[in-house]
Amino acid sequence: MEQESAMTDPASTKYKVSKKVIKRYLADHDLTQKQLAKMAGISEGALSALIRFQRDMRVGNLFALADAMRMNPRDLVEKVEEDE
């Protein structure tokens, strides 16, 4: 039992939208956050909050963003480090 508690519970692992991936996509496609948000069907404020990690990510928003960017949703997220 002690060994199990030492392992990280996968359900408690936190993820965030990768700011680096979003910024790179915007630059590569000459888009603004507002334009990307519109393409994904989410508000500019929601996209901005996701990028700044100020809001929990809704699965629907993640898939909408991934679809708009024609990317795999896994490529848009990164694990949150313990010290963040």
PDB file of N, CA and C in Angstrom:
ATOM      1  N   MET A   1       0.814  -1.206   0.000  1.00  0.00           N
ATOM      2  CA  MET A   1       0.000   0.000   0.000  1.00  0.00           C
ATOM      3  C   MET A   1       0.856   1.269   0.000  1.00  0.00           C
ATOM      4  N   GLU A   2       1.915   1.295   0.780  1.00  0.00           N
ATOM      5  CA  GLU A   2       2.749   2.489   0.838  1.00  0.00           C
ATOM      6  C   GLU A   2       3.345   2.807  -0.523  1.00  0.00           C
ATOM      7  N   GLN A   3       3.713   1.765  -1.246  1.00  0.00           N
ATOM      8  CA  GLN A   3       4.306   1.972  -2.557  1.00  0.00           C
ATOM      9  C   GLN A   3       3.294   2.602  -3.511  1.00  0.00           C
ATOM     10  N   GLU A   4       2.024   2.212  -3.416  1.00  0.00           N
ATOM     11  CA  GLU A   4       0.988   2.774  -4.271  1.00  0.00           C
ATOM     12  C   GLU A   4       0.794   4.258  -4.005  1.00  0.00           C
ATOM     13  N   SER A   5       0.834   4.670  -2.745  1.00  0.00           N
ATOM     14  CA  SER A   5       0.613   6.077  -2.416  1.00  0.00           C
ATOM     15  C   SER A   5       1.773   6.958  -2.886  1.00  0.00           C
ATOM     16  N   ALA A   6       2.921   6.361  -3.095  1.00  0.00           N
ATOM     17  CA  ALA A   6       4.067   7.127  -3.568  1.00  0.00           C
ATOM     18  C   ALA A   6       3.948   7.453  -5.056  1.00  0.00           C
ATOM     19  N   MET A   7       3.143   6.689  -5.761  1.00  0.00           N
ATOM     20  CA  MET A   7       2.949   6.932  -7.187  1.00  0.00           C
ATOM     21  C   MET A   7       1.966   8.077  -7.384  1.00  0.00           C
ATOM     22  N   THR A   8       2.142   8.820  -8.448  1.00  0.00           N
ATOM     23  CA  THR A   8       1.241   9.922  -8.769  1.00  0.00           C
ATOM     24  C   THR A   8      -0.037   9.360  -9.356  1.00  0.00           C
ATOM     25  N   ASP A   9      -1.153   9.835  -8.861  1.00  0.00           N
ATOM     26  CA  ASP A   9      -2.456   9.432  -9.363  1.00  0.00           C
ATOM     27  C   ASP A   9      -2.663  10.113 -10.707  1.00  0.00           C
ATOM     28  N   PRO A  10      -2.813   9.337 -11.802  1.00  0.00           N
ATOM     29  CA  PRO A  10      -2.970   9.952 -13.124  1.00  0.00           C
ATOM     30  C   PRO A  10      -4.165  10.895 -13.197  1.00  0.00           C
ATOM     31  N   ALA A  11      -5.211  10.613 -12.439  1.00  0.00           N
ATOM     32  CA  ALA A  11      -6.398  11.469 -12.464  1.00  0.00           C
ATOM     33  C   ALA A  11      -6.111  12.837 -11.852  1.00  0.00           C
ATOM     34  N   SER A  12      -5.088  12.942 -11.021  1.00  0.00           N
ATOM     35  CA  SER A  12      -4.779  14.224 -10.391  1.00  0.00           C
ATOM     36  C   SER A  12      -3.727  15.017 -11.170  1.00  0.00           C
ATOM     37  N   THR A  13      -3.199  14.427 -12.235  1.00  0.00           N
ATOM     38  CA  THR A  13      -2.228  15.130 -13.064  1.00  0.00           C
ATOM     39  C   THR A  13      -2.932  16.268 -13.783  1.00  0.00           C
ATOM     40  N   LYS A  14      -2.321  17.443 -13.748  1.00  0.00           N
ATOM     41  CA  LYS A  14      -2.929  18.608 -14.385  1.00  0.00           C
ATOM     42  C   LYS A  14      -2.220  18.926 -15.689  1.00  0.00           C
ATOM     43  N   TYR A  15      -3.012  19.395 -16.628  1.00  0.00           N
ATOM     44  CA  TYR A  15      -2.498  19.781 -17.928  1.00  0.00           C
ATOM     45  C   TYR A  15      -2.950  21.192 -18.246  1.00  0.00           C
ATOM     46  N   LYS A  16      -2.214  21.843 -19.129  1.00  0.00           N
ATOM     47  CA  LYS A  16      -2.589  23.177 -19.579  1.00  0.00           C
ATOM     48  C   LYS A  16      -2.346  23.269 -21.077  1.00  0.00           C
ATOM     49  N   VAL A  17      -2.997  24.237 -21.699  1.00  0.00           N
ATOM     50  CA  VAL A  17      -2.766  24.488 -23.109  1.00  0.00           C
ATOM     51  C   VAL A  17      -1.341  25.011 -23.256  1.00  0.00           C
ATOM     52  N   SER A  18      -0.632  24.485 -24.225  1.00  0.00           N
ATOM     53  CA  SER A  18       0.754  24.902 -24.442  1.00  0.00           C
ATOM     54  C   SER A  18       0.797  26.275 -25.106  1.00  0.00           C
ATOM     55  N   LYS A  19       1.229  27.253 -24.360  1.00  0.00           N
ATOM     56  CA  LYS A  19       1.354  28.616 -24.874  1.00  0.00           C
ATOM     57  C   LYS A  19       2.310  28.646 -26.064  1.00  0.00           C
ATOM     58  N   LYS A  20       3.382  27.879 -25.968  1.00  0.00           N
ATOM     59  CA  LYS A  20       4.393  27.826 -27.016  1.00  0.00           C
ATOM     60  C   LYS A  20       3.786  27.325 -28.335  1.00  0.00           C
ATOM     61  N   VAL A  21       2.975  26.283 -28.271  1.00  0.00           N
ATOM     62  CA  VAL A  21       2.358  25.721 -29.479  1.00  0.00           C
ATOM     63  C   VAL A  21       1.383  26.721 -30.094  1.00  0.00           C
ATOM     64  N   ILE A  22       0.571  27.368 -29.247  1.00  0.00           N
ATOM     65  CA  ILE A  22      -0.408  28.338 -29.745  1.00  0.00           C
ATOM     66  C   ILE A  22       0.307  29.525 -30.395  1.00  0.00           C
ATOM     67  N   LYS A  23       1.289  30.078 -29.698  1.00  0.00           N
ATOM     68  CA  LYS A  23       2.015  31.241 -30.227  1.00  0.00           C
ATOM     69  C   LYS A  23       2.708  30.904 -31.552  1.00  0.00           C
ATOM     70  N   ARG A  24       3.282  29.715 -31.628  1.00  0.00           N
ATOM     71  CA  ARG A  24       3.953  29.284 -32.858  1.00  0.00           C
ATOM     72  C   ARG A  24       2.938  29.171 -33.996  1.00  0.00           C
ATOM     73  N   TYR A  25       1.771  28.579 -33.699  1.00  0.00           N
ATOM     74  CA  TYR A  25       0.728  28.424 -34.711  1.00  0.00           C
ATOM     75  C   TYR A  25       0.258  29.795 -35.208  1.00  0.00           C
ATOM     76  N   LEU A  26       0.032  30.711 -34.277  1.00  0.00           N
ATOM     77  CA  LEU A  26      -0.415  32.055 -34.651  1.00  0.00           C
ATOM     78  C   LEU A  26       0.606  32.730 -35.567  1.00  0.00           C
ATOM     79  N   ALA A  27       1.873  32.627 -35.216  1.00  0.00           N
ATOM     80  CA  ALA A  27       2.926  33.247 -36.012  1.00  0.00           C
ATOM     81  C   ALA A  27       3.037  32.590 -37.392  1.00  0.00           C
ATOM     82  N   ASP A  28       2.999  31.262 -37.416  1.00  0.00           N
ATOM     83  CA  ASP A  28       3.133  30.531 -38.678  1.00  0.00           C
ATOM     84  C   ASP A  28       1.982  30.793 -39.642  1.00  0.00           C
ATOM     85  N   HIS A  29       0.806  31.085 -39.081  1.00  0.00           N
ATOM     86  CA  HIS A  29      -0.384  31.282 -39.910  1.00  0.00           C
ATOM     87  C   HIS A  29      -0.833  32.745 -39.966  1.00  0.00           C
ATOM     88  N   ASP A  30       0.009  33.625 -39.426  1.00  0.00           N
ATOM     89  CA  ASP A  30      -0.272  35.060 -39.432  1.00  0.00           C
ATOM     90  C   ASP A  30      -1.684  35.365 -38.924  1.00  0.00           C
ATOM     91  N   LEU A  31      -1.991  34.808 -37.759  1.00  0.00           N
ATOM     92  CA  LEU A  31      -3.305  34.977 -37.138  1.00  0.00           C
ATOM     93  C   LEU A  31      -3.175  35.682 -35.795  1.00  0.00           C
ATOM     94  N   THR A  32      -4.276  36.280 -35.361  1.00  0.00           N
ATOM     95  CA  THR A  32      -4.361  36.845 -34.015  1.00  0.00           C
ATOM     96  C   THR A  32      -5.103  35.840 -33.132  1.00  0.00           C
ATOM     97  N   GLN A  33      -5.024  36.045 -31.825  1.00  0.00           N
ATOM     98  CA  GLN A  33      -5.787  35.200 -30.908  1.00  0.00           C
ATOM     99  C   GLN A  33      -7.278  35.324 -31.201  1.00  0.00           C
ATOM    100  N   LYS A  34      -7.697  36.528 -31.532  1.00  0.00           N
ATOM    101  CA  LYS A  34      -9.113  36.759 -31.832  1.00  0.00           C
ATOM    102  C   LYS A  34      -9.555  35.932 -33.035  1.00  0.00           C
ATOM    103  N   GLN A  35      -8.741  35.905 -34.070  1.00  0.00           N
ATOM    104  CA  GLN A  35      -9.070  35.132 -35.261  1.00  0.00           C
ATOM    105  C   GLN A  35      -9.108  33.634 -34.966  1.00  0.00           C
ATOM    106  N   LEU A  36      -8.134  33.153 -34.198  1.00  0.00           N
ATOM    107  CA  LEU A  36      -8.099  31.733 -33.841  1.00  0.00           C
ATOM    108  C   LEU A  36      -9.305  31.367 -32.989  1.00  0.00           C
ATOM    109  N   ALA A  37      -9.643  32.219 -32.040  1.00  0.00           N
ATOM    110  CA  ALA A  37     -10.811  31.966 -31.190  1.00  0.00           C
ATOM    111  C   ALA A  37     -12.075  31.866 -32.044  1.00  0.00           C
ATOM    112  N   LYS A  38     -12.205  32.761 -33.003  1.00  0.00           N
ATOM    113  CA  LYS A  38     -13.374  32.739 -33.887  1.00  0.00           C
ATOM    114  C   LYS A  38     -13.403  31.453 -34.704  1.00  0.00           C
ATOM    115  N   MET A  39     -12.260  31.043 -35.219  1.00  0.00           N
ATOM    116  CA  MET A  39     -12.172  29.801 -35.986  1.00  0.00           C
ATOM    117  C   MET A  39     -12.594  28.598 -35.138  1.00  0.00           C
ATOM    118  N   ALA A  40     -12.253  28.635 -33.851  1.00  0.00           N
ATOM    119  CA  ALA A  40     -12.557  27.528 -32.942  1.00  0.00           C
ATOM    120  C   ALA A  40     -13.961  27.631 -32.347  1.00  0.00           C
ATOM    121  N   GLY A  41     -14.608  28.787 -32.533  1.00  0.00           N
ATOM    122  CA  GLY A  41     -15.952  28.961 -31.983  1.00  0.00           C
ATOM    123  C   GLY A  41     -15.969  29.187 -30.485  1.00  0.00           C
ATOM    124  N   ILE A  42     -14.864  29.742 -29.963  1.00  0.00           N
ATOM    125  CA  ILE A  42     -14.805  30.080 -28.540  1.00  0.00           C
ATOM    126  C   ILE A  42     -14.506  31.574 -28.428  1.00  0.00           C
ATOM    127  N   SER A  43     -14.763  32.131 -27.263  1.00  0.00           N
ATOM    128  CA  SER A  43     -14.527  33.566 -27.103  1.00  0.00           C
ATOM    129  C   SER A  43     -13.028  33.855 -27.006  1.00  0.00           C
ATOM    130  N   GLU A  44     -12.673  35.062 -27.391  1.00  0.00           N
ATOM    131  CA  GLU A  44     -11.277  35.485 -27.291  1.00  0.00           C
ATOM    132  C   GLU A  44     -10.815  35.431 -25.829  1.00  0.00           C
ATOM    133  N   GLY A  45     -11.712  35.822 -24.919  1.00  0.00           N
ATOM    134  CA  GLY A  45     -11.384  35.778 -23.493  1.00  0.00           C
ATOM    135  C   GLY A  45     -11.124  34.363 -23.006  1.00  0.00           C
ATOM    136  N   ALA A  46     -11.915  33.414 -23.502  1.00  0.00           N
ATOM    137  CA  ALA A  46     -11.725  32.011 -23.108  1.00  0.00           C
ATOM    138  C   ALA A  46     -10.376  31.499 -23.604  1.00  0.00           C
ATOM    139  N   LEU A  47     -10.025  31.832 -24.844  1.00  0.00           N
ATOM    140  CA  LEU A  47      -8.731  31.410 -25.386  1.00  0.00           C
ATOM    141  C   LEU A  47      -7.588  32.049 -24.603  1.00  0.00           C
ATOM    142  N   SER A  48      -7.704  33.324 -24.339  1.00  0.00           N
ATOM    143  CA  SER A  48      -6.669  34.031 -23.597  1.00  0.00           C
ATOM    144  C   SER A  48      -6.479  33.435 -22.200  1.00  0.00           C
ATOM    145  N   ALA A  49      -7.585  33.134 -21.535  1.00  0.00           N
ATOM    146  CA  ALA A  49      -7.510  32.555 -20.190  1.00  0.00           C
ATOM    147  C   ALA A  49      -6.879  31.159 -20.225  1.00  0.00           C
ATOM    148  N   LEU A  50      -7.191  30.385 -21.260  1.00  0.00           N
ATOM    149  CA  LEU A  50      -6.588  29.058 -21.396  1.00  0.00           C
ATOM    150  C   LEU A  50      -5.084  29.163 -21.572  1.00  0.00           C
ATOM    151  N   ILE A  51      -4.665  30.102 -22.399  1.00  0.00           N
ATOM    152  CA  ILE A  51      -3.231  30.277 -22.657  1.00  0.00           C
ATOM    153  C   ILE A  51      -2.500  30.726 -21.394  1.00  0.00           C
ATOM    154  N   ARG A  52      -3.147  31.569 -20.603  1.00  0.00           N
ATOM    155  CA  ARG A  52      -2.526  32.061 -19.364  1.00  0.00           C
ATOM    156  C   ARG A  52      -2.740  31.092 -18.205  1.00  0.00           C
ATOM    157  N   PHE A  53      -3.434  29.972 -18.445  1.00  0.00           N
ATOM    158  CA  PHE A  53      -3.718  28.949 -17.435  1.00  0.00           C
ATOM    159  C   PHE A  53      -4.500  29.535 -16.258  1.00  0.00           C
ATOM    160  N   GLN A  54      -5.430  30.431 -16.572  1.00  0.00           N
ATOM    161  CA  GLN A  54      -6.250  31.029 -15.524  1.00  0.00           C
ATOM    162  C   GLN A  54      -7.615  30.362 -15.426  1.00  0.00           C
ATOM    163  N   ARG A  55      -7.871  29.452 -16.297  1.00  0.00           N
ATOM    164  CA  ARG A  55      -9.180  28.813 -16.317  1.00  0.00           C
ATOM    165  C   ARG A  55      -8.991  27.332 -16.609  1.00  0.00           C
ATOM    166  N   ASP A  56      -9.791  26.497 -15.949  1.00  0.00           N
ATOM    167  CA  ASP A  56      -9.747  25.076 -16.264  1.00  0.00           C
ATOM    168  C   ASP A  56     -10.170  24.884 -17.707  1.00  0.00           C
ATOM    169  N   MET A  57      -9.543  23.949 -18.342  1.00  0.00           N
ATOM    170  CA  MET A  57      -9.797  23.694 -19.736  1.00  0.00           C
ATOM    171  C   MET A  57     -11.028  22.803 -19.895  1.00  0.00           C
ATOM    172  N   ARG A  58     -11.972  23.249 -20.678  1.00  0.00           N
ATOM    173  CA  ARG A  58     -13.121  22.406 -21.007  1.00  0.00           C
ATOM    174  C   ARG A  58     -12.724  21.514 -22.173  1.00  0.00           C
ATOM    175  N   VAL A  59     -13.101  20.271 -22.095  1.00  0.00           N
ATOM    176  CA  VAL A  59     -12.744  19.326 -23.142  1.00  0.00           C
ATOM    177  C   VAL A  59     -13.275  19.800 -24.490  1.00  0.00           C
ATOM    178  N   GLY A  60     -14.486  20.327 -24.507  1.00  0.00           N
ATOM    179  CA  GLY A  60     -15.065  20.823 -25.754  1.00  0.00           C
ATOM    180  C   GLY A  60     -14.236  21.938 -26.367  1.00  0.00           C
ATOM    181  N   ASN A  61     -13.728  22.837 -25.529  1.00  0.00           N
ATOM    182  CA  ASN A  61     -12.881  23.928 -26.025  1.00  0.00           C
ATOM    183  C   ASN A  61     -11.565  23.389 -26.576  1.00  0.00           C
ATOM    184  N   LEU A  62     -11.008  22.402 -25.895  1.00  0.00           N
ATOM    185  CA  LEU A  62      -9.760  21.801 -26.360  1.00  0.00           C
ATOM    186  C   LEU A  62      -9.952  21.172 -27.737  1.00  0.00           C
ATOM    187  N   PHE A  63     -11.031  20.407 -27.908  1.00  0.00           N
ATOM    188  CA  PHE A  63     -11.269  19.755 -29.192  1.00  0.00           C
ATOM    189  C   PHE A  63     -11.611  20.765 -30.280  1.00  0.00           C
ATOM    190  N   ALA A  64     -12.342  21.821 -29.932  1.00  0.00           N
ATOM    191  CA  ALA A  64     -12.665  22.862 -30.906  1.00  0.00           C
ATOM    192  C   ALA A  64     -11.389  23.573 -31.370  1.00  0.00           C
ATOM    193  N   LEU A  65     -10.508  23.855 -30.429  1.00  0.00           N
ATOM    194  CA  LEU A  65      -9.243  24.506 -30.745  1.00  0.00           C
ATOM    195  C   LEU A  65      -8.379  23.589 -31.609  1.00  0.00           C
ATOM    196  N   ALA A  66      -8.288  22.330 -31.222  1.00  0.00           N
ATOM    197  CA  ALA A  66      -7.499  21.362 -31.987  1.00  0.00           C
ATOM    198  C   ALA A  66      -8.056  21.208 -33.400  1.00  0.00           C
ATOM    199  N   ASP A  67      -9.369  21.169 -33.515  1.00  0.00           N
ATOM    200  CA  ASP A  67     -10.000  21.035 -34.818  1.00  0.00           C
ATOM    201  C   ASP A  67      -9.694  22.262 -35.693  1.00  0.00           C
ATOM    202  N   ALA A  68      -9.818  23.438 -35.121  1.00  0.00           N
ATOM    203  CA  ALA A  68      -9.543  24.671 -35.860  1.00  0.00           C
ATOM    204  C   ALA A  68      -8.085  24.726 -36.309  1.00  0.00           C
ATOM    205  N   MET A  69      -7.204  24.196 -35.494  1.00  0.00           N
ATOM    206  CA  MET A  69      -5.776  24.219 -35.803  1.00  0.00           C
ATOM    207  C   MET A  69      -5.341  22.987 -36.602  1.00  0.00           C
ATOM    208  N   ARG A  70      -6.270  22.058 -36.811  1.00  0.00           N
ATOM    209  CA  ARG A  70      -5.996  20.797 -37.508  1.00  0.00           C
ATOM    210  C   ARG A  70      -4.839  20.054 -36.862  1.00  0.00           C
ATOM    211  N   MET A  71      -4.963  19.942 -35.534  1.00  0.00           N
ATOM    212  CA  MET A  71      -3.939  19.266 -34.742  1.00  0.00           C
ATOM    213  C   MET A  71      -4.588  18.232 -33.842  1.00  0.00           C
ATOM    214  N   ASN A  72      -3.787  17.315 -33.362  1.00  0.00           N
ATOM    215  CA  ASN A  72      -4.229  16.353 -32.365  1.00  0.00           C
ATOM    216  C   ASN A  72      -4.324  17.098 -31.029  1.00  0.00           C
ATOM    217  N   PRO A  73      -5.428  16.943 -30.289  1.00  0.00           N
ATOM    218  CA  PRO A  73      -5.546  17.636 -28.991  1.00  0.00           C
ATOM    219  C   PRO A  73      -4.364  17.379 -28.061  1.00  0.00           C
ATOM    220  N   ARG A  74      -3.767  16.204 -28.139  1.00  0.00           N
ATOM    221  CA  ARG A  74      -2.607  15.891 -27.283  1.00  0.00           C
ATOM    222  C   ARG A  74      -1.429  16.829 -27.562  1.00  0.00           C
ATOM    223  N   ASP A  75      -1.345  17.313 -28.795  1.00  0.00           N
ATOM    224  CA  ASP A  75      -0.242  18.201 -29.158  1.00  0.00           C
ATOM    225  C   ASP A  75      -0.434  19.623 -28.637  1.00  0.00           C
ATOM    226  N   LEU A  76      -1.621  19.909 -28.120  1.00  0.00           N
ATOM    227  CA  LEU A  76      -1.924  21.254 -27.621  1.00  0.00           C
ATOM    228  C   LEU A  76      -1.758  21.397 -26.116  1.00  0.00           C
ATOM    229  N   VAL A  77      -1.524  20.298 -25.429  1.00  0.00           N
ATOM    230  CA  VAL A  77      -1.443  20.361 -23.973  1.00  0.00           C
ATOM    231  C   VAL A  77      -0.082  19.911 -23.480  1.00  0.00           C
ATOM    232  N   GLU A  78       0.240  20.398 -22.304  1.00  0.00           N
ATOM    233  CA  GLU A  78       1.469  19.972 -21.636  1.00  0.00           C
ATOM    234  C   GLU A  78       1.167  19.788 -20.163  1.00  0.00           C
ATOM    235  N   LYS A  79       1.927  18.920 -19.564  1.00  0.00           N
ATOM    236  CA  LYS A  79       1.760  18.627 -18.141  1.00  0.00           C
ATOM    237  C   LYS A  79       2.180  19.838 -17.318  1.00  0.00           C
ATOM    238  N   VAL A  80       1.426  20.145 -16.283  1.00  0.00           N
ATOM    239  CA  VAL A  80       1.776  21.238 -15.384  1.00  0.00           C
ATOM    240  C   VAL A  80       2.821  20.722 -14.407  1.00  0.00           C
ATOM    241  N   GLU A  81       3.924  21.427 -14.320  1.00  0.00           N
ATOM    242  CA  GLU A  81       4.987  21.051 -13.402  1.00  0.00           C
ATOM    243  C   GLU A  81       4.541  21.316 -11.964  1.00  0.00           C
ATOM    244  N   GLU A  82       5.078  20.573 -11.043  1.00  0.00           N
ATOM    245  CA  GLU A  82       4.704  20.669  -9.630  1.00  0.00           C
ATOM    246  C   GLU A  82       4.882  22.065  -9.046  1.00  0.00           C
ATOM    247  N   ASP A  83       5.881  22.801  -9.513  1.00  0.00           N
ATOM    248  CA  ASP A  83       6.187  24.110  -8.934  1.00  0.00           C
ATOM    249  C   ASP A  83       5.345  25.239  -9.554  1.00  0.00           C
ATOM    250  N   GLU A  84       4.457  24.935 -10.504  1.00  0.00           N
ATOM    251  CA  GLU A  84       3.624  25.984 -11.114  1.00  0.00           C
ATOM    252  C   GLU A  84       2.400  26.234 -10.296  1.00  0.00           C
TER     253      GLU A  84
END
